[in-house]
């Protein structure tokens, strides 16, 4: 008699377990999105530094006027 459970109690257990599964899935998805955004933010500055260093090397000579280039050659 104690082992017999009504259908209402079974439905309540299914509802509870389903709700718990949905909440766990939501938390995992949120954590994964946060981790991906953190990784993207860490990679973005590295890419910007690489491109800006390359740009400065390429444009240094064109920024200096001819007279300044001659002075720089003499100082070497």
N, C-alpha and C. Protein backbone atom coordinates (compact mmCIF):
# COMPACT_ATOMS: atom_id res chain seq x y z
N UNK A 1 0.82 -1.19 0.00
CA UNK A 1 0.00 0.00 0.00
C UNK A 1 0.87 1.26 0.00
N UNK A 2 2.00 1.28 0.72
CA UNK A 2 2.89 2.43 0.76
C UNK A 2 3.64 2.61 -0.55
N UNK A 3 3.84 1.54 -1.32
CA UNK A 3 4.58 1.61 -2.58
C UNK A 3 3.71 2.09 -3.73
N UNK A 4 2.45 2.01 -3.60
CA UNK A 4 1.57 2.44 -4.68
C UNK A 4 1.46 3.96 -4.69
N UNK A 5 1.82 4.54 -5.84
CA UNK A 5 1.77 5.99 -5.96
C UNK A 5 0.73 6.36 -7.00
N UNK A 6 0.07 7.42 -6.75
CA UNK A 6 -0.95 7.88 -7.68
C UNK A 6 -0.32 8.53 -8.90
N UNK A 7 -1.09 8.71 -9.97
CA UNK A 7 -0.56 9.32 -11.19
C UNK A 7 -0.14 10.78 -10.99
N UNK A 8 -0.77 11.44 -10.05
CA UNK A 8 -0.43 12.85 -9.78
C UNK A 8 1.00 12.99 -9.27
N UNK A 9 1.40 12.07 -8.40
CA UNK A 9 2.75 12.12 -7.85
C UNK A 9 3.80 11.80 -8.92
N UNK A 10 3.48 10.87 -9.78
CA UNK A 10 4.40 10.54 -10.88
C UNK A 10 4.56 11.73 -11.82
N UNK A 11 3.46 12.38 -12.14
CA UNK A 11 3.51 13.55 -13.01
C UNK A 11 4.33 14.66 -12.35
N UNK A 12 4.18 14.82 -11.05
CA UNK A 12 4.94 15.83 -10.32
C UNK A 12 6.44 15.55 -10.39
N UNK A 13 6.86 14.29 -10.25
CA UNK A 13 8.27 13.93 -10.35
C UNK A 13 8.81 14.18 -11.76
N UNK A 14 8.04 13.84 -12.77
CA UNK A 14 8.48 14.08 -14.15
C UNK A 14 8.62 15.57 -14.40
N UNK A 15 7.67 16.34 -13.91
CA UNK A 15 7.71 17.79 -14.06
C UNK A 15 8.96 18.37 -13.37
N UNK A 16 9.24 17.90 -12.17
CA UNK A 16 10.39 18.40 -11.40
C UNK A 16 11.70 18.06 -12.10
N UNK A 17 11.86 16.83 -12.55
CA UNK A 17 13.09 16.43 -13.23
C UNK A 17 13.26 17.16 -14.56
N UNK A 18 12.17 17.35 -15.28
CA UNK A 18 12.24 18.08 -16.54
C UNK A 18 12.65 19.53 -16.34
N UNK A 19 12.08 20.17 -15.31
CA UNK A 19 12.43 21.55 -15.00
C UNK A 19 13.91 21.65 -14.61
N UNK A 20 14.39 20.71 -13.83
CA UNK A 20 15.79 20.71 -13.43
C UNK A 20 16.70 20.55 -14.66
N UNK A 21 16.33 19.69 -15.57
CA UNK A 21 17.13 19.48 -16.78
C UNK A 21 17.17 20.76 -17.63
N UNK A 22 16.05 21.44 -17.74
CA UNK A 22 16.00 22.68 -18.51
C UNK A 22 16.88 23.75 -17.87
N UNK A 23 16.85 23.86 -16.55
CA UNK A 23 17.67 24.86 -15.86
C UNK A 23 19.16 24.56 -16.02
N UNK A 24 19.54 23.30 -15.90
CA UNK A 24 20.95 22.93 -16.05
C UNK A 24 21.41 23.23 -17.48
N UNK A 25 20.60 22.93 -18.46
CA UNK A 25 20.94 23.20 -19.84
C UNK A 25 21.11 24.70 -20.07
N UNK A 26 20.24 25.50 -19.49
CA UNK A 26 20.33 26.95 -19.64
C UNK A 26 21.62 27.49 -19.04
N UNK A 27 21.99 27.00 -17.87
CA UNK A 27 23.22 27.46 -17.22
C UNK A 27 24.44 27.07 -18.05
N UNK A 28 24.45 25.86 -18.57
CA UNK A 28 25.59 25.40 -19.36
C UNK A 28 25.72 26.24 -20.64
N UNK A 29 24.63 26.52 -21.30
CA UNK A 29 24.67 27.35 -22.52
C UNK A 29 25.19 28.75 -22.21
N UNK A 30 24.74 29.33 -21.11
CA UNK A 30 25.18 30.66 -20.73
C UNK A 30 26.68 30.68 -20.45
N UNK A 31 27.15 29.68 -19.73
CA UNK A 31 28.59 29.61 -19.43
C UNK A 31 29.42 29.44 -20.70
N UNK A 32 28.94 28.64 -21.63
CA UNK A 32 29.67 28.42 -22.87
C UNK A 32 29.74 29.72 -23.69
N UNK A 33 28.63 30.46 -23.75
CA UNK A 33 28.63 31.73 -24.48
C UNK A 33 29.60 32.72 -23.84
N UNK A 34 29.61 32.78 -22.50
CA UNK A 34 30.52 33.67 -21.80
C UNK A 34 31.98 33.30 -22.08
N UNK A 35 32.26 32.00 -22.08
CA UNK A 35 33.62 31.55 -22.34
C UNK A 35 34.06 31.90 -23.76
N UNK A 36 33.16 31.71 -24.73
CA UNK A 36 33.48 32.04 -26.12
C UNK A 36 33.72 33.54 -26.28
N UNK A 37 32.91 34.35 -25.64
CA UNK A 37 33.10 35.80 -25.77
C UNK A 37 34.40 36.24 -25.11
N UNK A 38 34.78 35.63 -23.99
CA UNK A 38 36.06 35.95 -23.36
C UNK A 38 37.22 35.57 -24.25
N UNK A 39 37.14 34.41 -24.88
CA UNK A 39 38.21 33.97 -25.77
C UNK A 39 38.33 34.89 -26.98
N UNK A 40 37.19 35.33 -27.52
CA UNK A 40 37.21 36.24 -28.66
C UNK A 40 37.80 37.60 -28.27
N UNK A 41 37.51 38.07 -27.06
CA UNK A 41 38.06 39.34 -26.60
C UNK A 41 39.57 39.24 -26.40
N UNK A 42 40.07 38.09 -25.95
CA UNK A 42 41.50 37.92 -25.77
C UNK A 42 42.21 37.84 -27.11
N UNK A 43 41.58 37.25 -28.11
CA UNK A 43 42.22 37.11 -29.41
C UNK A 43 42.18 38.42 -30.21
N UNK A 44 41.18 39.23 -30.00
CA UNK A 44 41.04 40.48 -30.77
C UNK A 44 42.21 41.44 -30.52
N UNK A 45 42.63 41.71 -29.28
CA UNK A 45 43.77 42.63 -29.09
C UNK A 45 45.06 42.09 -29.70
N UNK A 46 45.27 40.79 -29.64
CA UNK A 46 46.48 40.21 -30.23
C UNK A 46 46.50 40.46 -31.73
N UNK A 47 45.36 40.31 -32.39
CA UNK A 47 45.29 40.54 -33.83
C UNK A 47 45.50 42.01 -34.14
N UNK A 48 44.97 42.90 -33.30
CA UNK A 48 45.13 44.34 -33.53
C UNK A 48 46.59 44.75 -33.36
N UNK A 49 47.27 44.17 -32.38
CA UNK A 49 48.68 44.50 -32.16
C UNK A 49 49.52 44.06 -33.34
N UNK A 50 49.24 42.89 -33.87
CA UNK A 50 50.02 42.39 -35.00
C UNK A 50 49.84 43.28 -36.22
N UNK A 51 48.64 43.69 -36.50
CA UNK A 51 48.40 44.51 -37.69
C UNK A 51 48.94 45.92 -37.49
N UNK A 52 48.82 46.48 -36.29
CA UNK A 52 49.30 47.84 -36.08
C UNK A 52 50.82 47.88 -36.13
N UNK A 53 51.50 46.86 -35.64
CA UNK A 53 52.96 46.83 -35.70
C UNK A 53 53.41 46.74 -37.16
N UNK A 54 52.75 45.96 -37.95
CA UNK A 54 53.08 45.84 -39.36
C UNK A 54 52.83 47.14 -40.11
N UNK A 55 51.77 47.83 -39.76
CA UNK A 55 51.46 49.09 -40.42
C UNK A 55 52.50 50.15 -40.09
N UNK A 56 52.93 50.22 -38.84
CA UNK A 56 53.89 51.25 -38.46
C UNK A 56 55.22 51.02 -39.14
N UNK A 57 55.61 49.78 -39.31
CA UNK A 57 56.87 49.49 -39.99
C UNK A 57 56.79 49.89 -41.45
N UNK A 58 55.66 49.65 -42.06
CA UNK A 58 55.52 49.96 -43.48
C UNK A 58 55.41 51.47 -43.73
N UNK A 59 54.85 52.19 -42.78
CA UNK A 59 54.60 53.62 -43.02
C UNK A 59 55.65 54.53 -42.42
N UNK A 60 56.60 54.05 -41.67
CA UNK A 60 57.60 54.90 -41.04
C UNK A 60 58.38 55.72 -42.06
N UNK A 61 58.79 55.09 -43.13
CA UNK A 61 59.62 55.76 -44.09
C UNK A 61 58.84 56.84 -44.86
N UNK A 62 57.58 56.61 -45.11
CA UNK A 62 56.81 57.59 -45.86
C UNK A 62 56.39 58.78 -45.00
N UNK A 63 56.38 58.62 -43.68
CA UNK A 63 55.97 59.71 -42.80
C UNK A 63 57.08 60.75 -42.70
N UNK A 64 58.34 60.31 -42.69
CA UNK A 64 59.46 61.23 -42.54
C UNK A 64 59.73 61.99 -43.84
N UNK A 65 59.92 63.29 -43.75
CA UNK A 65 60.33 64.05 -44.94
C UNK A 65 61.78 63.69 -45.32
N UNK A 66 62.17 64.07 -46.49
CA UNK A 66 63.49 63.72 -47.01
C UNK A 66 64.61 64.24 -46.12
N UNK A 67 64.48 65.45 -45.62
CA UNK A 67 65.53 66.03 -44.78
C UNK A 67 65.70 65.24 -43.48
N UNK A 68 64.60 64.78 -42.92
CA UNK A 68 64.69 63.99 -41.69
C UNK A 68 65.31 62.63 -41.96
N UNK A 69 65.07 62.08 -43.11
CA UNK A 69 65.68 60.79 -43.46
C UNK A 69 67.19 60.93 -43.59
N UNK A 70 67.64 62.04 -44.15
CA UNK A 70 69.08 62.27 -44.27
C UNK A 70 69.73 62.40 -42.90
N UNK A 71 69.06 63.09 -41.99
CA UNK A 71 69.58 63.24 -40.62
C UNK A 71 69.65 61.89 -39.93
N UNK A 72 68.62 61.06 -40.13
CA UNK A 72 68.60 59.74 -39.52
C UNK A 72 69.73 58.88 -40.07
N UNK A 73 70.03 59.01 -41.36
CA UNK A 73 71.14 58.24 -41.96
C UNK A 73 72.47 58.70 -41.39
N UNK A 74 72.63 59.99 -41.17
CA UNK A 74 73.88 60.50 -40.63
C UNK A 74 74.09 60.06 -39.19
N UNK A 75 73.01 59.95 -38.43
CA UNK A 75 73.13 59.52 -37.03
C UNK A 75 73.47 58.05 -36.91
N UNK A 76 73.15 57.27 -37.90
CA UNK A 76 73.49 55.84 -37.85
C UNK A 76 74.96 55.70 -38.01
